[in-house]
N, C-alpha and C. Protein backbone atom coordinates (compact mmCIF):
# COMPACT_ATOMS: atom_id res chain seq x y z
N UNK A 1 -40.88 42.33 9.34
CA UNK A 1 -41.13 43.10 10.60
C UNK A 1 -40.01 44.16 10.69
N UNK A 2 -40.40 45.37 10.92
CA UNK A 2 -39.34 46.38 10.97
C UNK A 2 -38.94 46.54 12.49
N UNK A 3 -37.76 46.94 12.59
CA UNK A 3 -37.11 47.26 13.89
C UNK A 3 -36.73 48.64 14.06
N UNK A 4 -37.74 49.57 14.43
CA UNK A 4 -37.48 50.96 14.46
C UNK A 4 -36.87 51.27 15.87
N UNK A 5 -35.68 51.99 15.80
CA UNK A 5 -35.02 52.27 17.06
C UNK A 5 -34.71 53.76 17.00
N UNK A 6 -34.29 54.18 18.16
CA UNK A 6 -33.73 55.58 18.30
C UNK A 6 -32.29 55.48 18.79
N UNK A 7 -31.46 56.30 18.29
CA UNK A 7 -30.03 56.35 18.81
C UNK A 7 -29.56 57.80 19.00
N UNK A 8 -28.71 58.06 19.72
CA UNK A 8 -28.04 59.40 19.90
C UNK A 8 -26.84 59.66 18.94
N UNK A 9 -26.78 60.71 18.34
CA UNK A 9 -25.65 61.17 17.50
C UNK A 9 -25.20 62.48 17.95
N UNK A 10 -23.91 62.64 18.09
CA UNK A 10 -23.31 63.99 18.37
C UNK A 10 -22.44 64.36 17.29
N UNK A 11 -22.54 65.63 16.79
CA UNK A 11 -21.63 66.18 15.95
C UNK A 11 -20.73 66.92 16.71
N UNK A 12 -19.45 66.51 16.84
CA UNK A 12 -18.52 67.01 17.71
C UNK A 12 -17.95 68.37 17.38
N UNK A 13 -17.29 69.05 18.28
CA UNK A 13 -16.74 70.43 18.01
C UNK A 13 -15.99 70.64 16.75
N UNK A 14 -15.06 69.65 16.43
CA UNK A 14 -14.32 69.96 15.28
C UNK A 14 -15.25 70.04 13.91
N UNK A 15 -16.33 69.31 13.93
CA UNK A 15 -17.17 69.24 12.69
C UNK A 15 -18.15 70.47 12.76
N UNK A 16 -18.42 70.88 13.95
CA UNK A 16 -19.37 72.09 14.07
C UNK A 16 -18.57 73.27 13.70
N UNK A 17 -17.28 73.38 14.07
CA UNK A 17 -16.35 74.47 13.86
C UNK A 17 -16.18 74.58 12.26
N UNK A 18 -16.25 73.39 11.60
CA UNK A 18 -15.98 73.49 10.06
C UNK A 18 -17.29 73.49 9.39
N UNK A 19 -18.36 73.79 10.01
CA UNK A 19 -19.64 74.00 9.39
C UNK A 19 -20.14 72.82 8.58
N UNK A 20 -19.95 71.58 9.29
CA UNK A 20 -20.40 70.35 8.59
C UNK A 20 -21.73 69.79 9.05
N UNK A 21 -22.40 70.47 9.85
CA UNK A 21 -23.73 70.10 10.38
C UNK A 21 -24.63 69.63 9.43
N UNK A 22 -24.86 70.46 8.38
CA UNK A 22 -25.92 70.11 7.33
C UNK A 22 -25.38 68.85 6.48
N UNK A 23 -24.08 68.81 6.19
CA UNK A 23 -23.59 67.71 5.38
C UNK A 23 -23.77 66.51 6.22
N UNK A 24 -23.42 66.45 7.42
CA UNK A 24 -23.49 65.24 8.24
C UNK A 24 -25.06 64.76 8.29
N UNK A 25 -25.85 65.74 8.65
CA UNK A 25 -27.31 65.39 8.72
C UNK A 25 -27.82 64.91 7.47
N UNK A 26 -27.29 65.30 6.31
CA UNK A 26 -27.76 64.85 5.03
C UNK A 26 -27.23 63.39 4.81
N UNK A 27 -26.15 62.97 5.33
CA UNK A 27 -25.77 61.63 5.26
C UNK A 27 -26.73 60.68 5.97
N UNK A 28 -27.20 61.13 7.16
CA UNK A 28 -28.09 60.32 7.93
C UNK A 28 -29.58 60.19 7.12
N UNK A 29 -30.00 61.35 6.68
CA UNK A 29 -31.35 61.24 6.02
C UNK A 29 -31.22 60.60 4.77
N UNK A 30 -30.20 60.68 3.98
CA UNK A 30 -29.93 59.96 2.73
C UNK A 30 -29.93 58.43 2.95
N UNK A 31 -29.61 58.08 4.25
CA UNK A 31 -29.55 56.67 4.61
C UNK A 31 -30.75 56.21 5.49
N UNK A 32 -31.84 56.78 5.31
CA UNK A 32 -33.14 56.59 5.93
C UNK A 32 -33.21 56.60 7.50
N UNK A 33 -32.25 57.56 7.96
CA UNK A 33 -32.39 57.82 9.40
C UNK A 33 -32.98 59.24 9.54
N UNK A 34 -34.08 59.32 10.42
CA UNK A 34 -34.78 60.51 10.53
C UNK A 34 -34.17 61.31 11.66
N UNK A 35 -33.97 62.58 11.64
CA UNK A 35 -33.51 63.46 12.67
C UNK A 35 -34.69 63.80 13.45
N UNK A 36 -35.09 63.17 14.52
CA UNK A 36 -36.24 63.42 15.26
C UNK A 36 -36.17 64.66 16.15
N UNK A 37 -34.93 64.90 16.76
CA UNK A 37 -34.68 65.99 17.56
C UNK A 37 -33.21 66.46 17.31
N UNK A 38 -33.02 67.64 17.53
CA UNK A 38 -31.64 68.19 17.18
C UNK A 38 -31.54 69.61 17.91
N UNK A 39 -30.42 69.75 18.65
CA UNK A 39 -30.13 71.06 19.21
C UNK A 39 -28.62 71.24 19.28
N UNK A 40 -28.24 72.54 19.18
CA UNK A 40 -26.87 72.92 19.32
C UNK A 40 -26.64 73.38 20.70
N UNK A 41 -25.63 72.87 21.43
CA UNK A 41 -25.49 73.19 22.82
C UNK A 41 -23.92 73.29 23.06
N UNK A 42 -23.59 73.72 24.17
CA UNK A 42 -22.18 73.86 24.68
C UNK A 42 -22.22 73.21 26.11
N UNK A 43 -21.68 72.14 26.18
CA UNK A 43 -21.57 71.50 27.47
C UNK A 43 -20.40 71.84 28.34
N UNK A 44 -20.51 71.59 29.72
CA UNK A 44 -19.32 71.90 30.51
C UNK A 44 -18.43 70.71 30.64
N UNK A 45 -17.28 70.82 31.11
CA UNK A 45 -16.44 69.58 31.31
C UNK A 45 -16.94 68.65 32.25
N UNK A 46 -17.66 69.12 33.31
CA UNK A 46 -18.34 68.20 34.21
C UNK A 46 -19.52 67.45 33.55
N UNK A 47 -20.25 68.09 32.68
CA UNK A 47 -21.39 67.35 31.90
C UNK A 47 -20.76 66.35 30.96
N UNK A 48 -19.59 66.77 30.37
CA UNK A 48 -18.94 65.80 29.42
C UNK A 48 -18.39 64.56 30.26
N UNK A 49 -17.91 64.79 31.46
CA UNK A 49 -17.37 63.73 32.36
C UNK A 49 -18.55 62.87 32.76
N UNK A 50 -19.68 63.37 33.01
CA UNK A 50 -20.95 62.59 33.35
C UNK A 50 -21.30 61.77 32.15
N UNK A 51 -21.34 62.48 31.00
CA UNK A 51 -21.77 61.69 29.76
C UNK A 51 -20.80 60.51 29.43
N UNK A 52 -19.52 60.79 29.47
CA UNK A 52 -18.50 59.76 29.16
C UNK A 52 -18.07 58.86 30.38
N UNK A 53 -18.93 58.89 31.35
CA UNK A 53 -18.65 58.18 32.59
C UNK A 53 -18.13 56.67 32.39
N UNK A 54 -18.70 56.08 31.36
CA UNK A 54 -18.46 54.74 30.95
C UNK A 54 -16.94 54.54 30.59
N UNK A 55 -16.26 55.57 30.15
CA UNK A 55 -14.86 55.49 29.80
C UNK A 55 -13.97 55.96 30.94
N UNK A 56 -14.47 56.25 32.08
CA UNK A 56 -13.80 56.81 33.30
C UNK A 56 -12.39 56.20 33.46
N UNK A 57 -12.24 54.86 33.34
CA UNK A 57 -11.03 54.18 33.66
C UNK A 57 -9.96 54.27 32.51
N UNK A 58 -10.34 54.79 31.36
CA UNK A 58 -9.49 54.70 30.28
C UNK A 58 -8.58 55.95 30.15
N UNK A 59 -7.40 55.69 29.62
CA UNK A 59 -6.36 56.79 29.66
C UNK A 59 -6.75 58.12 28.89
N UNK A 60 -7.72 57.94 27.94
CA UNK A 60 -8.01 59.04 27.07
C UNK A 60 -9.33 59.79 27.67
N UNK A 61 -9.69 59.42 28.79
CA UNK A 61 -11.03 59.91 29.33
C UNK A 61 -10.89 61.42 29.57
N UNK A 62 -9.95 61.96 30.19
CA UNK A 62 -9.87 63.43 30.48
C UNK A 62 -9.74 64.23 29.18
N UNK A 63 -9.01 63.75 28.24
CA UNK A 63 -8.95 64.53 26.92
C UNK A 63 -10.22 64.49 26.26
N UNK A 64 -11.01 63.35 26.27
CA UNK A 64 -12.32 63.22 25.78
C UNK A 64 -13.23 64.27 26.25
N UNK A 65 -13.20 64.40 27.64
CA UNK A 65 -14.10 65.35 28.30
C UNK A 65 -13.80 66.79 27.91
N UNK A 66 -12.53 66.99 27.92
CA UNK A 66 -12.03 68.44 27.62
C UNK A 66 -12.44 68.76 26.19
N UNK A 67 -12.32 67.74 25.27
CA UNK A 67 -12.69 67.99 23.85
C UNK A 67 -14.09 68.15 23.63
N UNK A 68 -14.93 67.36 24.29
CA UNK A 68 -16.39 67.46 24.04
C UNK A 68 -16.88 68.85 24.49
N UNK A 69 -16.21 69.25 25.48
CA UNK A 69 -16.65 70.52 26.10
C UNK A 69 -15.92 71.83 25.59
N UNK A 70 -15.12 71.56 24.51
CA UNK A 70 -14.27 72.60 24.05
C UNK A 70 -14.99 73.71 23.10
N UNK A 71 -16.26 73.17 22.63
CA UNK A 71 -16.95 74.09 21.78
C UNK A 71 -18.32 73.66 21.59
N UNK A 72 -19.16 74.24 20.79
CA UNK A 72 -20.56 73.82 20.53
C UNK A 72 -20.55 72.40 19.90
N UNK A 73 -21.61 71.73 20.25
CA UNK A 73 -21.92 70.48 19.64
C UNK A 73 -23.28 70.42 19.25
N UNK A 74 -23.56 69.40 18.30
CA UNK A 74 -25.06 69.23 17.96
C UNK A 74 -25.42 67.83 18.34
N UNK A 75 -26.42 67.79 19.22
CA UNK A 75 -26.98 66.49 19.70
C UNK A 75 -28.21 66.24 19.02
N UNK A 76 -28.28 64.95 18.48
CA UNK A 76 -29.56 64.59 17.79
C UNK A 76 -30.04 63.19 18.09
N UNK A 77 -31.45 63.10 17.99
CA UNK A 77 -32.00 61.74 18.16
C UNK A 77 -32.29 61.30 16.77
N UNK A 78 -31.67 60.21 16.36
CA UNK A 78 -31.92 59.69 15.09
C UNK A 78 -32.80 58.37 15.16
N UNK A 79 -33.75 58.26 14.25
CA UNK A 79 -34.72 57.27 14.32
C UNK A 79 -34.71 56.51 13.10
N UNK A 80 -34.90 55.20 13.07
CA UNK A 80 -34.93 54.40 11.83
C UNK A 80 -34.74 52.93 12.14
N UNK A 81 -34.81 52.13 11.02
CA UNK A 81 -34.71 50.75 11.14
C UNK A 81 -33.18 50.41 11.61
N UNK A 82 -33.21 49.61 12.75
CA UNK A 82 -31.90 49.31 13.38
C UNK A 82 -30.91 50.53 13.46
N UNK A 83 -31.53 51.61 13.97
CA UNK A 83 -30.92 52.87 13.99
C UNK A 83 -29.41 52.82 14.69
N UNK A 84 -29.27 52.08 15.73
CA UNK A 84 -27.94 51.94 16.41
C UNK A 84 -26.89 51.45 15.44
N UNK A 85 -27.19 50.30 14.84
CA UNK A 85 -26.18 49.73 13.89
C UNK A 85 -26.02 50.55 12.67
N UNK A 86 -27.14 51.07 12.22
CA UNK A 86 -27.15 51.87 10.90
C UNK A 86 -26.13 53.17 11.12
N UNK A 87 -26.38 53.71 12.27
CA UNK A 87 -25.52 54.98 12.62
C UNK A 87 -24.09 54.62 12.81
N UNK A 88 -23.78 53.51 13.43
CA UNK A 88 -22.38 53.00 13.75
C UNK A 88 -21.69 52.80 12.33
N UNK A 89 -22.60 52.17 11.37
CA UNK A 89 -21.85 51.86 10.08
C UNK A 89 -21.62 53.18 9.32
N UNK A 90 -22.56 54.17 9.40
CA UNK A 90 -22.48 55.49 8.75
C UNK A 90 -21.19 56.20 9.35
N UNK A 91 -20.99 56.14 10.61
CA UNK A 91 -19.85 56.88 11.21
C UNK A 91 -18.52 56.25 10.86
N UNK A 92 -18.44 54.94 10.72
CA UNK A 92 -17.14 54.31 10.41
C UNK A 92 -16.33 54.20 11.66
N UNK A 93 -15.14 53.69 11.46
CA UNK A 93 -14.23 53.25 12.58
C UNK A 93 -13.86 54.52 13.39
N UNK A 94 -13.53 54.36 14.72
CA UNK A 94 -13.09 55.45 15.61
C UNK A 94 -11.94 56.30 14.98
N UNK A 95 -10.98 55.53 14.35
CA UNK A 95 -9.80 56.09 13.71
C UNK A 95 -10.13 56.44 12.27
N UNK A 96 -10.27 57.75 11.92
CA UNK A 96 -10.65 58.07 10.53
C UNK A 96 -9.71 57.51 9.48
N UNK A 97 -8.46 57.17 9.88
CA UNK A 97 -7.51 56.48 8.80
C UNK A 97 -8.01 55.10 8.53
N UNK A 98 -8.71 54.47 9.49
CA UNK A 98 -9.18 53.10 9.34
C UNK A 98 -10.59 53.00 8.91
N UNK A 99 -11.33 54.10 8.88
CA UNK A 99 -12.75 54.14 8.57
C UNK A 99 -12.99 53.86 7.08
N UNK A 100 -13.98 53.13 6.89
CA UNK A 100 -14.38 52.73 5.45
C UNK A 100 -14.60 53.96 4.67
N UNK A 101 -14.41 53.81 3.34
CA UNK A 101 -14.52 54.95 2.46
C UNK A 101 -15.95 55.50 2.54
N UNK A 102 -16.17 56.74 2.43
CA UNK A 102 -17.44 57.48 2.53
C UNK A 102 -18.25 57.32 3.79
N UNK A 103 -17.64 56.88 4.84
CA UNK A 103 -18.20 56.99 6.15
C UNK A 103 -17.94 58.49 6.64
N UNK A 104 -18.69 58.86 7.61
CA UNK A 104 -18.57 60.17 8.12
C UNK A 104 -17.15 60.49 8.66
N UNK A 105 -16.62 59.56 9.37
CA UNK A 105 -15.20 59.69 9.91
C UNK A 105 -14.21 59.71 8.82
N UNK A 106 -14.41 58.93 7.83
CA UNK A 106 -13.52 58.83 6.70
C UNK A 106 -13.49 60.22 5.94
N UNK A 107 -14.66 60.76 5.76
CA UNK A 107 -14.82 62.01 4.99
C UNK A 107 -14.40 63.21 5.80
N UNK A 108 -14.75 63.29 7.18
CA UNK A 108 -14.53 64.48 7.84
C UNK A 108 -13.63 64.41 9.06
N UNK A 109 -13.33 63.17 9.48
CA UNK A 109 -12.56 63.03 10.79
C UNK A 109 -11.09 63.54 10.62
N UNK A 110 -10.59 64.25 11.64
CA UNK A 110 -9.30 64.70 11.59
C UNK A 110 -8.33 63.85 12.31
N UNK A 111 -8.76 63.17 13.37
CA UNK A 111 -7.84 62.27 14.24
C UNK A 111 -8.72 61.32 14.93
N UNK A 112 -8.10 60.50 15.80
CA UNK A 112 -8.84 59.58 16.60
C UNK A 112 -9.77 60.42 17.56
N UNK A 113 -9.15 61.47 18.14
CA UNK A 113 -9.91 62.43 19.07
C UNK A 113 -11.06 63.27 18.31
N UNK A 114 -10.51 63.77 17.29
CA UNK A 114 -11.34 64.73 16.49
C UNK A 114 -12.01 63.96 15.25
N UNK A 115 -12.86 63.12 15.60
CA UNK A 115 -13.40 62.24 14.59
C UNK A 115 -14.79 62.58 14.12
N UNK A 116 -15.25 63.78 14.52
CA UNK A 116 -16.43 64.53 14.00
C UNK A 116 -17.74 64.05 14.60
N UNK A 117 -17.91 62.80 14.95
CA UNK A 117 -19.17 62.37 15.48
C UNK A 117 -19.08 61.26 16.46
N UNK A 118 -20.08 61.14 17.37
CA UNK A 118 -20.26 60.14 18.36
C UNK A 118 -21.61 59.53 18.10
N UNK A 119 -21.69 58.21 18.32
CA UNK A 119 -23.01 57.55 18.27
C UNK A 119 -23.15 56.46 19.25
N UNK A 120 -24.28 56.29 19.80
CA UNK A 120 -24.53 55.21 20.77
C UNK A 120 -24.10 53.90 20.28
N UNK A 121 -23.46 53.03 21.20
CA UNK A 121 -22.94 51.77 20.77
C UNK A 121 -23.88 50.66 21.10
N UNK A 122 -25.03 50.84 21.85
CA UNK A 122 -25.98 49.83 21.94
C UNK A 122 -27.27 50.48 22.21
N UNK A 123 -28.43 49.73 22.24
CA UNK A 123 -29.74 50.27 22.42
C UNK A 123 -29.85 50.76 23.79
N UNK A 124 -29.29 50.00 24.78
CA UNK A 124 -29.25 50.41 26.18
C UNK A 124 -28.59 51.74 26.38
N UNK A 125 -27.45 51.91 25.74
CA UNK A 125 -26.69 53.14 25.86
C UNK A 125 -27.46 54.15 25.27
N UNK A 126 -28.09 53.96 24.05
CA UNK A 126 -28.81 55.00 23.27
C UNK A 126 -29.90 55.59 24.18
N UNK A 127 -30.67 54.83 24.90
CA UNK A 127 -31.64 55.21 25.77
C UNK A 127 -31.07 56.19 26.91
N UNK A 128 -30.00 55.76 27.47
CA UNK A 128 -29.28 56.54 28.49
C UNK A 128 -28.87 57.90 27.97
N UNK A 129 -28.18 57.81 26.78
CA UNK A 129 -27.54 58.99 26.08
C UNK A 129 -28.69 60.04 25.73
N UNK A 130 -29.75 59.44 25.11
CA UNK A 130 -30.90 60.37 24.62
C UNK A 130 -31.49 61.07 25.94
N UNK A 131 -31.64 60.34 27.06
CA UNK A 131 -32.16 60.93 28.26
C UNK A 131 -31.27 62.01 28.76
N UNK A 132 -29.94 61.75 28.63
CA UNK A 132 -28.91 62.69 29.16
C UNK A 132 -29.02 64.01 28.48
N UNK A 133 -29.41 64.05 27.26
CA UNK A 133 -29.48 65.40 26.52
C UNK A 133 -30.87 65.89 26.35
N UNK A 134 -31.87 64.97 26.19
CA UNK A 134 -33.26 65.31 25.96
C UNK A 134 -34.24 65.14 27.03
N UNK A 135 -33.83 64.44 28.12
CA UNK A 135 -34.69 64.23 29.23
C UNK A 135 -36.06 63.74 28.96
N UNK A 136 -36.13 62.88 28.07
CA UNK A 136 -37.43 62.26 27.59
C UNK A 136 -38.17 61.51 28.55
């Protein structure tokens, strides 16, 4: 029995700036995740604050919001078998220095903040995050 899910992936400003969109998308598609929807947008700091509300109490919250709104991002709906877990595995650890070899963050991440990608951490959050950007 297959467990087809959808998850949200964001290619962050540092990766968009370095023209890594196609390379990152290829990693997803090479690993059986389908890019169902994709759009390049530039969000405001207020929108970023709303999106990252779950991290509101954390010390890095403000920097996170400033960073996500600092340049264009690409938001995508990825679909596939166990998409949430599959995407998390492909992204690697938050800190690129700790990310497994050949994960997106290991290959492209510059720092804990500029780690190139965001992915939903649960099915519940994936639904919220997809709705945030795609109003499905």
